[in-house]
Amino acid sequence: SSASGFAALVSSVAALYKLPATPSQLSLISRQGSGSA
């Protein structure tokens, strides 16, 4: 549940901010909340 939650959070904020980041780059951020995220 924490993995899906933090992944959704990071992905949502990235979409709102229109960040030119790949999923791999975003994964560096999401894993700080939950490794599996």
Full PDB file with SEQRES, HELIX, SHEET, SSBOND, CRYST1, ORIGX, SCALE, CONECT and MASTER records, all heavy atoms in Angstrom:
SEQRES   1 A   37  SER SER ALA SER GLY PHE ALA ALA LEU VAL SER SER VAL          
SEQRES   2 A   37  ALA ALA LEU TYR LYS LEU PRO ALA THR PRO SER GLN LEU          
SEQRES   3 A   37  SER LEU ILE SER ARG GLN GLY SER GLY SER ALA                  
HELIX    1 AA1 SER A    2  TYR A   17  1                                  16    
HELIX    2 AA2 PRO A   23  SER A   30  1                                   8    
CRYST1    1.000    1.000    1.000  90.00  90.00  90.00 P 1           1          
ORIGX1      1.000000  0.000000  0.000000        0.00000                         
ORIGX2      0.000000  1.000000  0.000000        0.00000                         
ORIGX3      0.000000  0.000000  1.000000        0.00000                         
SCALE1      1.000000  0.000000  0.000000        0.00000                         
SCALE2      0.000000  1.000000  0.000000        0.00000                         
SCALE3      0.000000  0.000000  1.000000        0.00000                         
ATOM      1  N   SER A   1       0.832  -1.208   0.000  1.00  0.00           N  
ATOM      2  CA  SER A   1       0.000   0.000   0.000  1.00  0.00           C  
ATOM      3  C   SER A   1       0.866   1.257   0.000  1.00  0.00           C  
ATOM      4  O   SER A   1       0.558   2.235  -0.692  1.00  0.00           O  
ATOM      5  CB  SER A   1      -0.935   0.013   1.220  1.00  0.00           C  
ATOM      6  OG  SER A   1      -0.189   0.004   2.424  1.00  0.00           O  
ATOM      7  N   SER A   2       1.961   1.244   0.760  1.00  0.00           N  
ATOM      8  CA  SER A   2       2.830   2.422   0.800  1.00  0.00           C  
ATOM      9  C   SER A   2       3.535   2.601  -0.536  1.00  0.00           C  
ATOM     10  O   SER A   2       3.749   3.738  -0.989  1.00  0.00           O  
ATOM     11  CB  SER A   2       3.853   2.305   1.935  1.00  0.00           C  
ATOM     12  OG  SER A   2       4.642   1.138   1.786  1.00  0.00           O  
ATOM     13  N   ALA A   3       3.889   1.500  -1.201  1.00  0.00           N  
ATOM     14  CA  ALA A   3       4.546   1.590  -2.504  1.00  0.00           C  
ATOM     15  C   ALA A   3       3.640   2.255  -3.522  1.00  0.00           C  
ATOM     16  O   ALA A   3       4.048   3.180  -4.234  1.00  0.00           O  
ATOM     17  CB  ALA A   3       4.949   0.192  -2.986  1.00  0.00           C  
ATOM     18  N   SER A   4       2.398   1.816  -3.592  1.00  0.00           N  
ATOM     19  CA  SER A   4       1.471   2.405  -4.558  1.00  0.00           C  
ATOM     20  C   SER A   4       1.148   3.844  -4.196  1.00  0.00           C  
ATOM     21  O   SER A   4       1.039   4.706  -5.072  1.00  0.00           O  
ATOM     22  CB  SER A   4       0.185   1.574  -4.627  1.00  0.00           C  
ATOM     23  OG  SER A   4      -0.488   1.549  -3.379  1.00  0.00           O  
ATOM     24  N   GLY A   5       1.034   4.114  -2.897  1.00  0.00           N  
ATOM     25  CA  GLY A   5       0.699   5.469  -2.465  1.00  0.00           C  
ATOM     26  C   GLY A   5       1.775   6.475  -2.786  1.00  0.00           C  
ATOM     27  O   GLY A   5       1.499   7.551  -3.339  1.00  0.00           O  
ATOM     28  N   PHE A   6       3.021   6.146  -2.465  1.00  0.00           N  
ATOM     29  CA  PHE A   6       4.120   7.090  -2.737  1.00  0.00           C  
ATOM     30  C   PHE A   6       4.394   7.208  -4.235  1.00  0.00           C  
ATOM     31  O   PHE A   6       4.759   8.284  -4.715  1.00  0.00           O  
ATOM     32  CB  PHE A   6       5.384   6.670  -1.992  1.00  0.00           C  
ATOM     33  CG  PHE A   6       5.409   7.103  -0.553  1.00  0.00           C  
ATOM     34  CD1 PHE A   6       5.244   6.184   0.470  1.00  0.00           C  
ATOM     35  CD2 PHE A   6       5.580   8.436  -0.215  1.00  0.00           C  
ATOM     36  CE1 PHE A   6       5.248   6.582   1.805  1.00  0.00           C  
ATOM     37  CE2 PHE A   6       5.588   8.853   1.102  1.00  0.00           C  
ATOM     38  CZ  PHE A   6       5.419   7.914   2.124  1.00  0.00           C  
ATOM     39  N   ALA A   7       4.215   6.122  -4.979  1.00  0.00           N  
ATOM     40  CA  ALA A   7       4.382   6.205  -6.433  1.00  0.00           C  
ATOM     41  C   ALA A   7       3.330   7.120  -7.041  1.00  0.00           C  
ATOM     42  O   ALA A   7       3.631   7.935  -7.922  1.00  0.00           O  
ATOM     43  CB  ALA A   7       4.304   4.816  -7.057  1.00  0.00           C  
ATOM     44  N   ALA A   8       2.097   6.992  -6.565  1.00  0.00           N  
ATOM     45  CA  ALA A   8       1.022   7.853  -7.063  1.00  0.00           C  
ATOM     46  C   ALA A   8       1.276   9.314  -6.698  1.00  0.00           C  
ATOM     47  O   ALA A   8       1.040  10.224  -7.507  1.00  0.00           O  
ATOM     48  CB  ALA A   8      -0.319   7.391  -6.491  1.00  0.00           C  
ATOM     49  N   LEU A   9       1.765   9.545  -5.486  1.00  0.00           N  
ATOM     50  CA  LEU A   9       2.052  10.909  -5.035  1.00  0.00           C  
ATOM     51  C   LEU A   9       3.122  11.558  -5.911  1.00  0.00           C  
ATOM     52  O   LEU A   9       2.932  12.672  -6.439  1.00  0.00           O  
ATOM     53  CB  LEU A   9       2.519  10.878  -3.580  1.00  0.00           C  
ATOM     54  CG  LEU A   9       3.064  12.192  -3.000  1.00  0.00           C  
ATOM     55  CD1 LEU A   9       1.982  13.258  -2.987  1.00  0.00           C  
ATOM     56  CD2 LEU A   9       3.620  11.970  -1.604  1.00  0.00           C  
ATOM     57  N   VAL A  10       4.245  10.868  -6.096  1.00  0.00           N  
ATOM     58  CA  VAL A  10       5.344  11.432  -6.886  1.00  0.00           C  
ATOM     59  C   VAL A  10       4.917  11.616  -8.337  1.00  0.00           C  
ATOM     60  O   VAL A  10       5.208  12.649  -8.964  1.00  0.00           O  
ATOM     61  CB  VAL A  10       6.588  10.526  -6.789  1.00  0.00           C  
ATOM     62  CG1 VAL A  10       7.663  10.968  -7.775  1.00  0.00           C  
ATOM     63  CG2 VAL A  10       7.137  10.535  -5.371  1.00  0.00           C  
ATOM     64  N   SER A  11       4.222  10.634  -8.895  1.00  0.00           N  
ATOM     65  CA  SER A  11       3.779  10.724 -10.280  1.00  0.00           C  
ATOM     66  C   SER A  11       2.791  11.872 -10.486  1.00  0.00           C  
ATOM     67  O   SER A  11       2.858  12.595 -11.487  1.00  0.00           O  
ATOM     68  CB  SER A  11       3.134   9.391 -10.693  1.00  0.00           C  
ATOM     69  OG  SER A  11       2.720   9.431 -12.032  1.00  0.00           O  
ATOM     70  N   SER A  12       1.888  12.062  -9.524  1.00  0.00           N  
ATOM     71  CA  SER A  12       0.891  13.135  -9.621  1.00  0.00           C  
ATOM     72  C   SER A  12       1.538  14.517  -9.579  1.00  0.00           C  
ATOM     73  O   SER A  12       1.203  15.406 -10.374  1.00  0.00           O  
ATOM     74  CB  SER A  12      -0.134  13.016  -8.484  1.00  0.00           C  
ATOM     75  OG  SER A  12      -0.844  11.815  -8.573  1.00  0.00           O  
ATOM     76  N   VAL A  13       2.458  14.691  -8.634  1.00  0.00           N  
ATOM     77  CA  VAL A  13       3.128  15.983  -8.510  1.00  0.00           C  
ATOM     78  C   VAL A  13       3.979  16.256  -9.752  1.00  0.00           C  
ATOM     79  O   VAL A  13       4.018  17.384 -10.264  1.00  0.00           O  
ATOM     80  CB  VAL A  13       3.988  16.030  -7.225  1.00  0.00           C  
ATOM     81  CG1 VAL A  13       4.802  17.323  -7.181  1.00  0.00           C  
ATOM     82  CG2 VAL A  13       3.104  15.927  -5.990  1.00  0.00           C  
ATOM     83  N   ALA A  14       4.630  15.222 -10.274  1.00  0.00           N  
ATOM     84  CA  ALA A  14       5.447  15.386 -11.484  1.00  0.00           C  
ATOM     85  C   ALA A  14       4.576  15.789 -12.666  1.00  0.00           C  
ATOM     86  O   ALA A  14       4.975  16.631 -13.490  1.00  0.00           O  
ATOM     87  CB  ALA A  14       6.198  14.092 -11.796  1.00  0.00           C  
ATOM     88  N   ALA A  15       3.381  15.201 -12.767  1.00  0.00           N  
ATOM     89  CA  ALA A  15       2.461  15.552 -13.857  1.00  0.00           C  
ATOM     90  C   ALA A  15       1.953  16.981 -13.696  1.00  0.00           C  
ATOM     91  O   ALA A  15       1.867  17.745 -14.668  1.00  0.00           O  
ATOM     92  CB  ALA A  15       1.293  14.574 -13.874  1.00  0.00           C  
ATOM     93  N   LEU A  16       1.615  17.367 -12.464  1.00  0.00           N  
ATOM     94  CA  LEU A  16       1.151  18.736 -12.196  1.00  0.00           C  
ATOM     95  C   LEU A  16       2.229  19.751 -12.552  1.00  0.00           C  
ATOM     96  O   LEU A  16       1.951  20.778 -13.186  1.00  0.00           O  
ATOM     97  CB  LEU A  16       0.773  18.869 -10.725  1.00  0.00           C  
ATOM     98  CG  LEU A  16       0.459  20.289 -10.223  1.00  0.00           C  
ATOM     99  CD1 LEU A  16      -0.817  20.819 -10.871  1.00  0.00           C  
ATOM    100  CD2 LEU A  16       0.338  20.301  -8.695  1.00  0.00           C  
ATOM    101  N   TYR A  17       3.458  19.453 -12.173  1.00  0.00           N  
ATOM    102  CA  TYR A  17       4.570  20.372 -12.408  1.00  0.00           C  
ATOM    103  C   TYR A  17       5.176  20.262 -13.811  1.00  0.00           C  
ATOM    104  O   TYR A  17       6.093  21.013 -14.152  1.00  0.00           O  
ATOM    105  CB  TYR A  17       5.671  20.117 -11.374  1.00  0.00           C  
ATOM    106  CG  TYR A  17       5.403  20.682  -9.996  1.00  0.00           C  
ATOM    107  CD1 TYR A  17       6.209  20.329  -8.924  1.00  0.00           C  
ATOM    108  CD2 TYR A  17       4.354  21.574  -9.767  1.00  0.00           C  
ATOM    109  CE1 TYR A  17       5.991  20.853  -7.660  1.00  0.00           C  
ATOM    110  CE2 TYR A  17       4.127  22.097  -8.506  1.00  0.00           C  
ATOM    111  CZ  TYR A  17       4.941  21.738  -7.455  1.00  0.00           C  
ATOM    112  OH  TYR A  17       4.726  22.264  -6.208  1.00  0.00           O  
ATOM    113  N   LYS A  18       4.682  19.295 -14.590  1.00  0.00           N  
ATOM    114  CA  LYS A  18       5.182  19.079 -15.955  1.00  0.00           C  
ATOM    115  C   LYS A  18       6.706  18.886 -15.970  1.00  0.00           C  
ATOM    116  O   LYS A  18       7.439  19.502 -16.739  1.00  0.00           O  
ATOM    117  CB  LYS A  18       4.795  20.249 -16.867  1.00  0.00           C  
ATOM    118  CG  LYS A  18       3.292  20.434 -17.013  1.00  0.00           C  
ATOM    119  CD  LYS A  18       2.963  21.591 -17.946  1.00  0.00           C  
ATOM    120  CE  LYS A  18       1.456  21.776 -18.090  1.00  0.00           C  
ATOM    121  NZ  LYS A  18       1.109  22.909 -18.989  1.00  0.00           N  
ATOM    122  N   LEU A  19       7.140  18.010 -15.087  1.00  0.00           N  
ATOM    123  CA  LEU A  19       8.576  17.765 -14.974  1.00  0.00           C  
ATOM    124  C   LEU A  19       9.059  16.868 -16.114  1.00  0.00           C  
ATOM    125  O   LEU A  19       8.449  15.836 -16.393  1.00  0.00           O  
ATOM    126  CB  LEU A  19       8.900  17.090 -13.635  1.00  0.00           C  
ATOM    127  CG  LEU A  19       8.506  17.850 -12.364  1.00  0.00           C  
ATOM    128  CD1 LEU A  19       8.941  17.056 -11.135  1.00  0.00           C  
ATOM    129  CD2 LEU A  19       9.136  19.236 -12.351  1.00  0.00           C  
ATOM    130  N   PRO A  20      10.144  17.242 -16.772  1.00  0.00           N  
ATOM    131  CA  PRO A  20      10.705  16.418 -17.852  1.00  0.00           C  
ATOM    132  C   PRO A  20      11.556  15.290 -17.282  1.00  0.00           C  
ATOM    133  O   PRO A  20      12.760  15.195 -17.555  1.00  0.00           O  
ATOM    134  CB  PRO A  20      11.541  17.425 -18.635  1.00  0.00           C  
ATOM    135  CG  PRO A  20      12.015  18.387 -17.599  1.00  0.00           C  
ATOM    136  CD  PRO A  20      10.894  18.507 -16.593  1.00  0.00           C  
ATOM    137  N   ALA A  21      10.937  14.438 -16.465  1.00  0.00           N  
ATOM    138  CA  ALA A  21      11.681  13.379 -15.784  1.00  0.00           C  
ATOM    139  C   ALA A  21      11.163  12.015 -16.224  1.00  0.00           C  
ATOM    140  O   ALA A  21       9.967  11.825 -16.427  1.00  0.00           O  
ATOM    141  CB  ALA A  21      11.532  13.533 -14.269  1.00  0.00           C  
ATOM    142  N   THR A  22      12.059  11.065 -16.352  1.00  0.00           N  
ATOM    143  CA  THR A  22      11.692   9.703 -16.698  1.00  0.00           C  
ATOM    144  C   THR A  22      11.196   8.973 -15.447  1.00  0.00           C  
ATOM    145  O   THR A  22      11.477   9.399 -14.310  1.00  0.00           O  
ATOM    146  CB  THR A  22      12.902   8.938 -17.260  1.00  0.00           C  
ATOM    147  OG1 THR A  22      13.885   8.797 -16.217  1.00  0.00           O  
ATOM    148  CG2 THR A  22      13.515   9.680 -18.442  1.00  0.00           C  
ATOM    149  N   PRO A  23      10.479   7.863 -15.622  1.00  0.00           N  
ATOM    150  CA  PRO A  23      10.082   7.076 -14.450  1.00  0.00           C  
ATOM    151  C   PRO A  23      11.271   6.652 -13.592  1.00  0.00           C  
ATOM    152  O   PRO A  23      11.168   6.623 -12.361  1.00  0.00           O  
ATOM    153  CB  PRO A  23       9.365   5.871 -15.067  1.00  0.00           C  
ATOM    154  CG  PRO A  23       8.815   6.382 -16.353  1.00  0.00           C  
ATOM    155  CD  PRO A  23       9.849   7.348 -16.856  1.00  0.00           C  
ATOM    156  N   SER A  24      12.402   6.343 -14.214  1.00  0.00           N  
ATOM    157  CA  SER A  24      13.588   5.970 -13.431  1.00  0.00           C  
ATOM    158  C   SER A  24      14.060   7.129 -12.560  1.00  0.00           C  
ATOM    159  O   SER A  24      14.435   6.945 -11.395  1.00  0.00           O  
ATOM    160  CB  SER A  24      14.727   5.521 -14.357  1.00  0.00           C  
ATOM    161  OG  SER A  24      14.467   4.261 -14.930  1.00  0.00           O  
ATOM    162  N   GLN A  25      14.038   8.340 -13.123  1.00  0.00           N  
ATOM    163  CA  GLN A  25      14.440   9.518 -12.342  1.00  0.00           C  
ATOM    164  C   GLN A  25      13.466   9.787 -11.200  1.00  0.00           C  
ATOM    165  O   GLN A  25      13.873  10.114 -10.087  1.00  0.00           O  
ATOM    166  CB  GLN A  25      14.538  10.736 -13.266  1.00  0.00           C  
ATOM    167  CG  GLN A  25      15.707  10.656 -14.248  1.00  0.00           C  
ATOM    168  CD  GLN A  25      15.653  11.736 -15.314  1.00  0.00           C  
ATOM    169  OE1 GLN A  25      14.572  12.157 -15.741  1.00  0.00           O  
ATOM    170  NE2 GLN A  25      16.815  12.186 -15.771  1.00  0.00           N  
ATOM    171  N   LEU A  26      12.171   9.621 -11.483  1.00  0.00           N  
ATOM    172  CA  LEU A  26      11.173   9.821 -10.433  1.00  0.00           C  
ATOM    173  C   LEU A  26      11.271   8.744  -9.354  1.00  0.00           C  
ATOM    174  O   LEU A  26      10.942   8.984  -8.191  1.00  0.00           O  
ATOM    175  CB  LEU A  26       9.766   9.826 -11.030  1.00  0.00           C  
ATOM    176  CG  LEU A  26       9.422  10.998 -11.949  1.00  0.00           C  
ATOM    177  CD1 LEU A  26       8.018  10.823 -12.517  1.00  0.00           C  
ATOM    178  CD2 LEU A  26       9.525  12.333 -11.209  1.00  0.00           C  
ATOM    179  N   SER A  27      11.745   7.563  -9.741  1.00  0.00           N  
ATOM    180  CA  SER A  27      11.856   6.476  -8.764  1.00  0.00           C  
ATOM    181  C   SER A  27      12.867   6.809  -7.674  1.00  0.00           C  
ATOM    182  O   SER A  27      12.769   6.317  -6.550  1.00  0.00           O  
ATOM    183  CB  SER A  27      12.224   5.168  -9.464  1.00  0.00           C  
ATOM    184  OG  SER A  27      13.579   5.142  -9.882  1.00  0.00           O  
ATOM    185  N   LEU A  28      13.865   7.645  -7.984  1.00  0.00           N  
ATOM    186  CA  LEU A  28      14.831   8.072  -6.980  1.00  0.00           C  
ATOM    187  C   LEU A  28      14.149   8.865  -5.866  1.00  0.00           C  
ATOM    188  O   LEU A  28      14.580   8.826  -4.711  1.00  0.00           O  
ATOM    189  CB  LEU A  28      15.919   8.932  -7.630  1.00  0.00           C  
ATOM    190  CG  LEU A  28      16.933   8.209  -8.520  1.00  0.00           C  
ATOM    191  CD1 LEU A  28      17.706   9.214  -9.356  1.00  0.00           C  
ATOM    192  CD2 LEU A  28      17.872   7.360  -7.674  1.00  0.00           C  
ATOM    193  N   ILE A  29      13.083   9.589  -6.248  1.00  0.00           N  
ATOM    194  CA  ILE A  29      12.347  10.377  -5.254  1.00  0.00           C  
ATOM    195  C   ILE A  29      11.377   9.486  -4.490  1.00  0.00           C  
ATOM    196  O   ILE A  29      11.302   9.526  -3.260  1.00  0.00           O  
ATOM    197  CB  ILE A  29      11.588  11.531  -5.944  1.00  0.00           C  
ATOM    198  CG1 ILE A  29      12.555  12.441  -6.689  1.00  0.00           C  
ATOM    199  CG2 ILE A  29      10.772  12.327  -4.922  1.00  0.00           C  
ATOM    200  CD1 ILE A  29      11.878  13.506  -7.544  1.00  0.00           C  
ATOM    201  N   SER A  30      10.617   8.665  -5.215  1.00  0.00           N  
ATOM    202  CA  SER A  30       9.562   7.872  -4.574  1.00  0.00           C  
ATOM    203  C   SER A  30      10.127   6.880  -3.558  1.00  0.00           C  
ATOM    204  O   SER A  30       9.491   6.608  -2.535  1.00  0.00           O  
ATOM    205  CB  SER A  30       8.737   7.133  -5.627  1.00  0.00           C  
ATOM    206  OG  SER A  30       9.524   6.170  -6.300  1.00  0.00           O  
ATOM    207  N   ARG A  31      11.324   6.341  -3.816  1.00  0.00           N  
ATOM    208  CA  ARG A  31      11.860   5.337  -2.896  1.00  0.00           C  
ATOM    209  C   ARG A  31      12.285   5.933  -1.563  1.00  0.00           C  
ATOM    210  O   ARG A  31      12.531   5.196  -0.593  1.00  0.00           O  
ATOM    211  CB  ARG A  31      13.029   4.584  -3.540  1.00  0.00           C  
ATOM    212  CG  ARG A  31      14.303   5.373  -3.722  1.00  0.00           C  
ATOM    213  CD  ARG A  31      15.438   4.450  -4.163  1.00  0.00           C  
ATOM    214  NE  ARG A  31      16.677   5.171  -4.452  1.00  0.00           N  
ATOM    215  CZ  ARG A  31      17.489   5.645  -3.532  1.00  0.00           C  
ATOM    216  NH1 ARG A  31      17.199   5.487  -2.251  1.00  0.00           N  
ATOM    217  NH2 ARG A  31      18.600   6.280  -3.876  1.00  0.00           N  
ATOM    218  N   GLN A  32      12.360   7.272  -1.478  1.00  0.00           N  
ATOM    219  CA  GLN A  32      12.661   7.893  -0.190  1.00  0.00           C  
ATOM    220  C   GLN A  32      11.474   7.780   0.768  1.00  0.00           C  
ATOM    221  O   GLN A  32      11.635   7.829   1.985  1.00  0.00           O  
ATOM    222  CB  GLN A  32      13.038   9.359  -0.392  1.00  0.00           C  
ATOM    223  CG  GLN A  32      14.322   9.540  -1.187  1.00  0.00           C  
ATOM    224  CD  GLN A  32      14.681  10.995  -1.405  1.00  0.00           C  
ATOM    225  OE1 GLN A  32      14.747  11.779  -0.463  1.00  0.00           O  
ATOM    226  NE2 GLN A  32      14.912  11.368  -2.657  1.00  0.00           N  
ATOM    227  N   GLY A  33      10.272   7.629   0.189  1.00  0.00           N  
ATOM    228  CA  GLY A  33       9.090   7.413   1.022  1.00  0.00           C  
ATOM    229  C   GLY A  33       8.879   5.941   1.316  1.00  0.00           C  
ATOM    230  O   GLY A  33       8.539   5.550   2.431  1.00  0.00           O  
ATOM    231  N   SER A  34       9.078   5.122   0.291  1.00  0.00           N  
ATOM    232  CA  SER A  34       8.951   3.673   0.429  1.00  0.00           C  
ATOM    233  C   SER A  34       9.851   3.044  -0.626  1.00  0.00           C  
ATOM    234  O   SER A  34       9.714   3.345  -1.814  1.00  0.00           O  
ATOM    235  CB  SER A  34       7.497   3.229   0.213  1.00  0.00           C  
ATOM    236  OG  SER A  34       7.404   1.831   0.081  1.00  0.00           O  
ATOM    237  N   GLY A  35      10.754   2.174  -0.200  1.00  0.00           N  
ATOM    238  CA  GLY A  35      11.685   1.578  -1.149  1.00  0.00           C  
ATOM    239  C   GLY A  35      10.987   0.934  -2.332  1.00  0.00           C  
ATOM    240  O   GLY A  35      11.354   1.153  -3.492  1.00  0.00           O  
ATOM    241  N   SER A  36       9.951   0.154  -2.060  1.00  0.00           N  
ATOM    242  CA  SER A  36       9.244  -0.546  -3.131  1.00  0.00           C  
ATOM    243  C   SER A  36       8.505   0.396  -4.068  1.00  0.00           C  
ATOM    244  O   SER A  36       8.138   0.001  -5.179  1.00  0.00           O  
ATOM    245  CB  SER A  36       8.244  -1.543  -2.529  1.00  0.00           C  
ATOM    246  OG  SER A  36       8.913  -2.547  -1.808  1.00  0.00           O  
ATOM    247  N   ALA A  37       8.277   1.630  -3.642  1.00  0.00           N  
ATOM    248  CA  ALA A  37       7.556   2.585  -4.485  1.00  0.00           C  
ATOM    249  C   ALA A  37       8.292   2.867  -5.780  1.00  0.00           C  
ATOM    250  O   ALA A  37       7.674   3.210  -6.793  1.00  0.00           O  
ATOM    251  CB  ALA A  37       7.320   3.897  -3.724  1.00  0.00           C  
TER     252      ALA A  37                                                      
MASTER        0    0    0    2    0    0    0    6  251    1    0    3          
END                                                                             
